[in-house]
Amino acid sequence: MKNILLIGGSYGIGLEIAKQLSEHHKIIVASRTKENLPSNIKHITFDVSKDAITEVELPDTLDGLVYCPGSINLKPFKMLSSEAFQKDMDINFMALVTTVHGLLPKLKNAEQASLVFFSTVAVKIGMPFHTSIAAAKGALEGFAKALAAEYAPNFRVNVIAPSLTDTQLAEKLLNNEDKKEKMGNRHPLKRVGNTKDIANLATFLLSEKSSWMTGQILGVDGGMSSLNIN
């Protein structure tokens, strides 16, 4: 059984990934809460914004890493302070860098570890009110490609770039059926994403089925980033 660590993972996409993987692998979720986790998944109380991953008791070998923490901070640029940009950068990018750096020895012990990060469709296509989150996730994408090049073939690094997905993080944008329909109709496939849409790709990237893939930014976005049907 592989040892796979999820940073975050007690709700939303992370929780779905953990559930899908838990039947065949040893899953460890390091997050602030654990109320949604099945009993067969190990939980470690961990706040990525405050705690050091090097202080967490983990197996000597990690075969997979999924970094789930993120933010949705959609405001006009003129209403975003430099502190807001820094906050988004800290949770989406800098905490990821610190986490990966601290876990390097354990990832390098694996035969070929797989790392999965999350970006956003807004990096590929310019979208109003996304300046802060697109900047943070753009940094993440550049980091992931460089990391994949530097550590190939020791481990693989891939990024999933979703469009709007029905999770707790997006609750304000999708808190009634009218909003869901309106947001869904912006996509060629006429719906917003769900946790399984994203988790299905993540579990594939963590498996041997994707063993010849690294340095990729993979859109799971209902066709938004590549199709214009208007």
C-alpha atoms as a PDB file:
ATOM      1  CA  MET A   1       0.000   0.000   0.000  1.00  0.00           C
ATOM      2  CA  LYS A   2       1.201   3.482  -0.837  1.00  0.00           C
ATOM      3  CA  ASN A   3       1.461   6.259   1.742  1.00  0.00           C
ATOM      4  CA  ILE A   4      -0.407   9.307   0.444  1.00  0.00           C
ATOM      5  CA  LEU A   5      -0.573  12.575   2.372  1.00  0.00           C
ATOM      6  CA  LEU A   6      -3.284  15.154   1.842  1.00  0.00           C
ATOM      7  CA  ILE A   7      -2.733  18.632   3.209  1.00  0.00           C
ATOM      8  CA  GLY A   8      -6.325  19.615   3.826  1.00  0.00           C
ATOM      9  CA  GLY A   9      -8.812  16.955   2.876  1.00  0.00           C
ATOM     10  CA  SER A  10     -11.512  16.935   5.507  1.00  0.00           C
ATOM     11  CA  TYR A  11     -14.115  18.381   3.150  1.00  0.00           C
ATOM     12  CA  GLY A  12     -14.788  19.117  -0.524  1.00  0.00           C
ATOM     13  CA  ILE A  13     -12.417  17.867  -3.199  1.00  0.00           C
ATOM     14  CA  GLY A  14      -9.818  16.685  -0.697  1.00  0.00           C
ATOM     15  CA  LEU A  15     -12.332  14.568   1.168  1.00  0.00           C
ATOM     16  CA  GLU A  16     -13.510  12.943  -2.067  1.00  0.00           C
ATOM     17  CA  ILE A  17      -9.905  12.171  -3.040  1.00  0.00           C
ATOM     18  CA  ALA A  18      -9.248  10.641   0.374  1.00  0.00           C
ATOM     19  CA  LYS A  19     -12.350   8.457   0.144  1.00  0.00           C
ATOM     20  CA  GLN A  20     -11.504   7.248  -3.359  1.00  0.00           C
ATOM     21  CA  LEU A  21      -7.962   6.305  -2.377  1.00  0.00           C
ATOM     22  CA  SER A  22      -8.559   4.881   1.089  1.00  0.00           C
ATOM     23  CA  GLU A  23      -9.627   1.415  -0.048  1.00  0.00           C
ATOM     24  CA  HIS A  24      -6.243   0.588  -1.564  1.00  0.00           C
ATOM     25  CA  HIS A  25      -3.769   2.964   0.079  1.00  0.00           C
ATOM     26  CA  LYS A  26      -2.764   4.325   3.463  1.00  0.00           C
ATOM     27  CA  ILE A  27      -4.207   7.831   3.506  1.00  0.00           C
ATOM     28  CA  ILE A  28      -3.111  10.512   5.933  1.00  0.00           C
ATOM     29  CA  VAL A  29      -5.025  13.777   6.118  1.00  0.00           C
ATOM     30  CA  ALA A  30      -3.304  16.700   7.807  1.00  0.00           C
ATOM     31  CA  SER A  31      -5.947  19.353   8.386  1.00  0.00           C
ATOM     32  CA  ARG A  32      -7.593  21.550  10.983  1.00  0.00           C
ATOM     33  CA  THR A  33     -10.728  19.392  11.297  1.00  0.00           C
ATOM     34  CA  LYS A  34     -11.643  15.746  10.905  1.00  0.00           C
ATOM     35  CA  GLU A  35     -15.417  15.507  11.406  1.00  0.00           C
ATOM     36  CA  ASN A  36     -16.120  14.273   7.879  1.00  0.00           C
ATOM     37  CA  LEU A  37     -13.364  11.677   7.629  1.00  0.00           C
ATOM     38  CA  PRO A  38     -14.102   7.920   7.556  1.00  0.00           C
ATOM     39  CA  SER A  39     -12.513   5.878  10.335  1.00  0.00           C
ATOM     40  CA  ASN A  40     -10.048   4.158   7.972  1.00  0.00           C
ATOM     41  CA  ILE A  41      -8.283   7.448   7.210  1.00  0.00           C
ATOM     42  CA  LYS A  42      -5.621   8.678   9.623  1.00  0.00           C
ATOM     43  CA  HIS A  43      -6.014  12.298  10.682  1.00  0.00           C
ATOM     44  CA  ILE A  44      -3.356  14.653  11.997  1.00  0.00           C
ATOM     45  CA  THR A  45      -4.387  18.044  13.344  1.00  0.00           C
ATOM     46  CA  PHE A  46      -2.463  20.549  11.255  1.00  0.00           C
ATOM     47  CA  ASP A  47      -2.865  24.176  10.192  1.00  0.00           C
ATOM     48  CA  VAL A  48      -0.722  24.861   7.141  1.00  0.00           C
ATOM     49  CA  SER A  49      -0.663  28.592   7.919  1.00  0.00           C
ATOM     50  CA  LYS A  50       0.775  28.083  11.414  1.00  0.00           C
ATOM     51  CA  ASP A  51       2.299  24.629  11.852  1.00  0.00           C
ATOM     52  CA  ALA A  52       5.540  23.162  10.508  1.00  0.00           C
ATOM     53  CA  ILE A  53       5.151  19.975   8.477  1.00  0.00           C
ATOM     54  CA  THR A  54       8.587  18.868   9.689  1.00  0.00           C
ATOM     55  CA  GLU A  55       7.142  18.600  13.213  1.00  0.00           C
ATOM     56  CA  VAL A  56       4.394  16.182  12.108  1.00  0.00           C
ATOM     57  CA  GLU A  57       4.902  12.447  12.651  1.00  0.00           C
ATOM     58  CA  LEU A  58       4.739  10.871   9.182  1.00  0.00           C
ATOM     59  CA  PRO A  59       6.033   7.709   7.486  1.00  0.00           C
ATOM     60  CA  ASP A  60       9.633   7.837   6.249  1.00  0.00           C
ATOM     61  CA  THR A  61       8.360   7.355   2.696  1.00  0.00           C
ATOM     62  CA  LEU A  62       5.570   9.312   1.013  1.00  0.00           C
ATOM     63  CA  ASP A  63       4.389   8.010  -2.348  1.00  0.00           C
ATOM     64  CA  GLY A  64       1.910  10.801  -2.952  1.00  0.00           C
ATOM     65  CA  LEU A  65       1.204  14.364  -1.864  1.00  0.00           C
ATOM     66  CA  VAL A  66      -1.939  16.396  -2.501  1.00  0.00           C
ATOM     67  CA  TYR A  67      -2.031  20.052  -1.456  1.00  0.00           C
ATOM     68  CA  CYS A  68      -5.652  21.169  -1.056  1.00  0.00           C
ATOM     69  CA  PRO A  69      -5.715  24.529   0.782  1.00  0.00           C
ATOM     70  CA  GLY A  70      -6.791  27.474  -1.336  1.00  0.00           C
ATOM     71  CA  SER A  71      -8.964  30.559  -1.506  1.00  0.00           C
ATOM     72  CA  ILE A  72     -11.577  32.254  -3.655  1.00  0.00           C
ATOM     73  CA  ASN A  73     -11.191  35.988  -3.277  1.00  0.00           C
ATOM     74  CA  LEU A  74     -13.106  37.576  -6.140  1.00  0.00           C
ATOM     75  CA  LYS A  75     -13.124  41.380  -5.986  1.00  0.00           C
ATOM     76  CA  PRO A  76     -12.382  44.291  -8.309  1.00  0.00           C
ATOM     77  CA  PHE A  77      -8.674  45.079  -8.329  1.00  0.00           C
ATOM     78  CA  LYS A  78      -9.307  48.582  -6.906  1.00  0.00           C
ATOM     79  CA  MET A  79     -10.872  46.961  -3.821  1.00  0.00           C
ATOM     80  CA  LEU A  80      -7.986  44.575  -3.166  1.00  0.00           C
ATOM     81  CA  SER A  81      -5.270  45.708  -0.794  1.00  0.00           C
ATOM     82  CA  SER A  82      -1.692  44.521  -0.969  1.00  0.00           C
ATOM     83  CA  GLU A  83      -2.438  42.594   2.236  1.00  0.00           C
ATOM     84  CA  ALA A  84      -5.203  40.685   0.417  1.00  0.00           C
ATOM     85  CA  PHE A  85      -2.755  39.734  -2.326  1.00  0.00           C
ATOM     86  CA  GLN A  86      -0.253  38.607   0.303  1.00  0.00           C
ATOM     87  CA  LYS A  87      -2.868  36.507   2.111  1.00  0.00           C
ATOM     88  CA  ASP A  88      -3.840  34.702  -1.101  1.00  0.00           C
ATOM     89  CA  MET A  89      -0.186  34.198  -1.986  1.00  0.00           C
ATOM     90  CA  ASP A  90       0.561  32.801   1.473  1.00  0.00           C
ATOM     91  CA  ILE A  91      -2.156  30.119   1.510  1.00  0.00           C
ATOM     92  CA  ASN A  92      -2.061  29.148  -2.165  1.00  0.00           C
ATOM     93  CA  PHE A  93       1.657  29.315  -2.829  1.00  0.00           C
ATOM     94  CA  MET A  94       4.067  30.052   0.009  1.00  0.00           C
ATOM     95  CA  ALA A  95       2.562  27.465   2.367  1.00  0.00           C
ATOM     96  CA  LEU A  96       2.788  24.940  -0.480  1.00  0.00           C
ATOM     97  CA  VAL A  97       6.467  25.755  -1.001  1.00  0.00           C
ATOM     98  CA  THR A  98       7.188  25.347   2.705  1.00  0.00           C
ATOM     99  CA  THR A  99       5.275  22.053   2.794  1.00  0.00           C
ATOM    100  CA  VAL A 100       7.045  20.530  -0.206  1.00  0.00           C
ATOM    101  CA  HIS A 101      10.433  21.680   1.060  1.00  0.00           C
ATOM    102  CA  GLY A 102       9.815  20.043   4.429  1.00  0.00           C
ATOM    103  CA  LEU A 103       8.643  16.779   2.853  1.00  0.00           C
ATOM    104  CA  LEU A 104      11.412  16.422   0.259  1.00  0.00           C
ATOM    105  CA  PRO A 105      13.337  13.650   2.060  1.00  0.00           C
ATOM    106  CA  LYS A 106      10.192  11.518   2.429  1.00  0.00           C
ATOM    107  CA  LEU A 107       9.108  12.089  -1.178  1.00  0.00           C
ATOM    108  CA  LYS A 108      12.579  11.233  -2.470  1.00  0.00           C
ATOM    109  CA  ASN A 109      12.473   7.939  -0.561  1.00  0.00           C
ATOM    110  CA  ALA A 110       9.629   6.715  -2.771  1.00  0.00           C
ATOM    111  CA  GLU A 111      10.255   4.802  -5.976  1.00  0.00           C
ATOM    112  CA  GLN A 112       8.527   7.637  -7.821  1.00  0.00           C
ATOM    113  CA  ALA A 113       6.253   9.897  -5.789  1.00  0.00           C
ATOM    114  CA  SER A 114       3.389  11.811  -7.381  1.00  0.00           C
ATOM    115  CA  LEU A 115       2.552  15.375  -6.321  1.00  0.00           C
ATOM    116  CA  VAL A 116      -0.791  16.962  -7.180  1.00  0.00           C
ATOM    117  CA  PHE A 117      -1.541  20.665  -6.770  1.00  0.00           C
ATOM    118  CA  PHE A 118      -4.578  22.804  -7.640  1.00  0.00           C
ATOM    119  CA  SER A 119      -4.704  25.937  -9.748  1.00  0.00           C
ATOM    120  CA  THR A 120      -7.623  27.662 -11.490  1.00  0.00           C
ATOM    121  CA  VAL A 121      -8.895  28.165 -15.019  1.00  0.00           C
ATOM    122  CA  ALA A 122      -8.405  31.901 -14.404  1.00  0.00           C
ATOM    123  CA  VAL A 123      -4.637  31.564 -14.890  1.00  0.00           C
ATOM    124  CA  LYS A 124      -5.087  30.443 -18.509  1.00  0.00           C
ATOM    125  CA  ILE A 125      -7.867  32.858 -19.440  1.00  0.00           C
ATOM    126  CA  GLY A 126      -8.117  36.390 -18.121  1.00  0.00           C
ATOM    127  CA  MET A 127     -11.181  36.795 -15.924  1.00  0.00           C
ATOM    128  CA  PRO A 128     -12.425  39.950 -14.193  1.00  0.00           C
ATOM    129  CA  PHE A 129     -12.118  40.101 -10.397  1.00  0.00           C
ATOM    130  CA  HIS A 130      -9.504  37.307 -10.318  1.00  0.00           C
ATOM    131  CA  THR A 131      -6.293  39.370 -10.079  1.00  0.00           C
ATOM    132  CA  SER A 132      -5.274  38.130  -6.642  1.00  0.00           C
ATOM    133  CA  ILE A 133      -6.128  34.442  -6.958  1.00  0.00           C
ATOM    134  CA  ALA A 134      -4.839  34.232 -10.548  1.00  0.00           C
ATOM    135  CA  ALA A 135      -1.519  35.749  -9.451  1.00  0.00           C
ATOM    136  CA  ALA A 136      -1.134  33.242  -6.604  1.00  0.00           C
ATOM    137  CA  LYS A 137      -2.106  30.249  -8.705  1.00  0.00           C
ATOM    138  CA  GLY A 138       0.074  31.447 -11.585  1.00  0.00           C
ATOM    139  CA  ALA A 139       3.016  31.327  -9.204  1.00  0.00           C
ATOM    140  CA  LEU A 140       1.978  27.809  -8.224  1.00  0.00           C
ATOM    141  CA  GLU A 141       1.887  26.661 -11.864  1.00  0.00           C
ATOM    142  CA  GLY A 142       5.351  28.046 -12.585  1.00  0.00           C
ATOM    143  CA  PHE A 143       6.721  26.454  -9.421  1.00  0.00           C
ATOM    144  CA  ALA A 144       5.169  23.083 -10.269  1.00  0.00           C
ATOM    145  CA  LYS A 145       6.712  22.952 -13.746  1.00  0.00           C
ATOM    146  CA  ALA A 146      10.152  23.942 -12.488  1.00  0.00           C
ATOM    147  CA  LEU A 147       9.920  21.447  -9.620  1.00  0.00           C
ATOM    148  CA  ALA A 148       8.856  18.687 -12.021  1.00  0.00           C
ATOM    149  CA  ALA A 149      11.883  19.395 -14.220  1.00  0.00           C
ATOM    150  CA  GLU A 150      14.329  19.552 -11.321  1.00  0.00           C
ATOM    151  CA  TYR A 151      13.202  16.331  -9.657  1.00  0.00           C
ATOM    152  CA  ALA A 152      12.435  14.133 -12.673  1.00  0.00           C
ATOM    153  CA  PRO A 153      12.472  11.167 -12.666  1.00  0.00           C
ATOM    154  CA  ASN A 154      12.536  10.967  -8.837  1.00  0.00           C
ATOM    155  CA  PHE A 155       9.008  12.265  -8.574  1.00  0.00           C
ATOM    156  CA  ARG A 156       6.229  13.626 -10.758  1.00  0.00           C
ATOM    157  CA  VAL A 157       4.388  16.931 -10.343  1.00  0.00           C
ATOM    158  CA  ASN A 158       1.083  17.771 -12.013  1.00  0.00           C
ATOM    159  CA  VAL A 159      -1.487  20.529 -11.520  1.00  0.00           C
ATOM    160  CA  ILE A 160      -5.267  20.417 -11.892  1.00  0.00           C
ATOM    161  CA  ALA A 161      -6.855  23.693 -12.997  1.00  0.00           C
ATOM    162  CA  PRO A 162     -10.607  23.556 -12.368  1.00  0.00           C
ATOM    163  CA  SER A 163     -13.319  26.034 -13.164  1.00  0.00           C
ATOM    164  CA  LEU A 164     -15.990  26.782 -10.567  1.00  0.00           C
ATOM    165  CA  THR A 165     -16.707  23.670  -8.516  1.00  0.00           C
ATOM    166  CA  ASP A 166     -19.546  23.082  -6.073  1.00  0.00           C
ATOM    167  CA  THR A 167     -17.656  22.962  -2.785  1.00  0.00           C
ATOM    168  CA  GLN A 168     -17.800  24.701   0.580  1.00  0.00           C
ATOM    169  CA  LEU A 169     -15.154  27.134  -0.657  1.00  0.00           C
ATOM    170  CA  ALA A 170     -17.506  28.320  -3.434  1.00  0.00           C
ATOM    171  CA  GLU A 171     -20.617  28.389  -1.257  1.00  0.00           C
ATOM    172  CA  LYS A 172     -21.246  32.122  -1.634  1.00  0.00           C
ATOM    173  CA  LEU A 173     -21.202  31.815  -5.416  1.00  0.00           C
ATOM    174  CA  LEU A 174     -23.438  28.725  -5.569  1.00  0.00           C
ATOM    175  CA  ASN A 175     -25.773  28.979  -2.589  1.00  0.00           C
ATOM    176  CA  ASN A 176     -29.007  28.607  -4.557  1.00  0.00           C
ATOM    177  CA  GLU A 177     -30.219  26.858  -7.701  1.00  0.00           C
ATOM    178  CA  ASP A 178     -30.519  30.061  -9.730  1.00  0.00           C
ATOM    179  CA  LYS A 179     -26.858  30.875  -9.126  1.00  0.00           C
ATOM    180  CA  LYS A 180     -25.821  27.316  -9.998  1.00  0.00           C
ATOM    181  CA  GLU A 181     -27.766  27.459 -13.252  1.00  0.00           C
ATOM    182  CA  LYS A 182     -26.384  30.865 -14.184  1.00  0.00           C
ATOM    183  CA  MET A 183     -22.800  29.835 -13.427  1.00  0.00           C
ATOM    184  CA  GLY A 184     -23.285  26.483 -15.141  1.00  0.00           C
ATOM    185  CA  ASN A 185     -24.497  28.115 -18.337  1.00  0.00           C
ATOM    186  CA  ARG A 186     -21.190  29.972 -18.665  1.00  0.00           C
ATOM    187  CA  HIS A 187     -19.554  26.629 -19.399  1.00  0.00           C
ATOM    188  CA  PRO A 188     -19.851  24.701 -22.685  1.00  0.00           C
ATOM    189  CA  LEU A 189     -20.981  21.622 -20.742  1.00  0.00           C
ATOM    190  CA  LYS A 190     -23.695  23.714 -19.040  1.00  0.00           C
ATOM    191  CA  ARG A 191     -22.952  22.904 -15.419  1.00  0.00           C
ATOM    192  CA  VAL A 192     -20.480  23.712 -12.699  1.00  0.00           C
ATOM    193  CA  GLY A 193     -18.059  21.064 -11.538  1.00  0.00           C
ATOM    194  CA  ASN A 194     -18.500  18.734  -8.596  1.00  0.00           C
ATOM    195  CA  THR A 195     -16.002  17.157  -6.242  1.00  0.00           C
ATOM    196  CA  LYS A 196     -15.943  13.847  -8.117  1.00  0.00           C
ATOM    197  CA  ASP A 197     -15.055  15.587 -11.388  1.00  0.00           C
ATOM    198  CA  ILE A 198     -11.863  16.892  -9.826  1.00  0.00           C
ATOM    199  CA  ALA A 199     -11.099  13.958  -7.519  1.00  0.00           C
ATOM    200  CA  ASN A 200     -11.304  11.470 -10.395  1.00  0.00           C
ATOM    201  CA  LEU A 201      -8.403  13.198 -12.130  1.00  0.00           C
ATOM    202  CA  ALA A 202      -6.420  13.565  -8.917  1.00  0.00           C
ATOM    203  CA  THR A 203      -6.659   9.852  -8.137  1.00  0.00           C
ATOM    204  CA  PHE A 204      -5.558   9.090 -11.711  1.00  0.00           C
ATOM    205  CA  LEU A 205      -2.512  11.355 -11.326  1.00  0.00           C
ATOM    206  CA  LEU A 206      -1.599   9.596  -8.078  1.00  0.00           C
ATOM    207  CA  SER A 207      -1.797   6.179  -9.727  1.00  0.00           C
ATOM    208  CA  GLU A 208       0.560   4.200 -11.933  1.00  0.00           C
ATOM    209  CA  LYS A 209      -1.820   4.842 -14.840  1.00  0.00           C
ATOM    210  CA  SER A 210      -0.307   8.315 -15.139  1.00  0.00           C
ATOM    211  CA  SER A 211       3.311   7.220 -14.680  1.00  0.00           C
ATOM    212  CA  TRP A 212       4.446   8.951 -17.911  1.00  0.00           C
ATOM    213  CA  MET A 213       2.919  12.317 -17.006  1.00  0.00           C
ATOM    214  CA  THR A 214       4.681  15.157 -15.244  1.00  0.00           C
ATOM    215  CA  GLY A 215       4.843  18.938 -15.473  1.00  0.00           C
ATOM    216  CA  GLN A 216       1.281  19.151 -16.798  1.00  0.00           C
ATOM    217  CA  ILE A 217      -1.426  21.744 -16.127  1.00  0.00           C
ATOM    218  CA  LEU A 218      -4.682  19.873 -16.687  1.00  0.00           C
ATOM    219  CA  GLY A 219      -7.940  21.742 -17.149  1.00  0.00           C
ATOM    220  CA  VAL A 220     -11.101  20.246 -15.659  1.00  0.00           C
ATOM    221  CA  ASP A 221     -13.375  23.138 -16.456  1.00  0.00           C
ATOM    222  CA  GLY A 222     -16.397  22.099 -18.480  1.00  0.00           C
ATOM    223  CA  GLY A 223     -14.644  23.295 -21.640  1.00  0.00           C
ATOM    224  CA  MET A 224     -14.337  26.893 -20.463  1.00  0.00           C
ATOM    225  CA  SER A 225     -10.609  27.336 -21.123  1.00  0.00           C
ATOM    226  CA  SER A 226     -10.584  25.967 -24.677  1.00  0.00           C
ATOM    227  CA  LEU A 227     -14.049  26.315 -26.227  1.00  0.00           C
ATOM    228  CA  ASN A 228     -15.985  29.398 -27.294  1.00  0.00           C
ATOM    229  CA  ILE A 229     -19.579  28.477 -28.043  1.00  0.00           C
ATOM    230  CA  ASN A 230     -21.127  31.954 -27.826  1.00  0.00           C
END
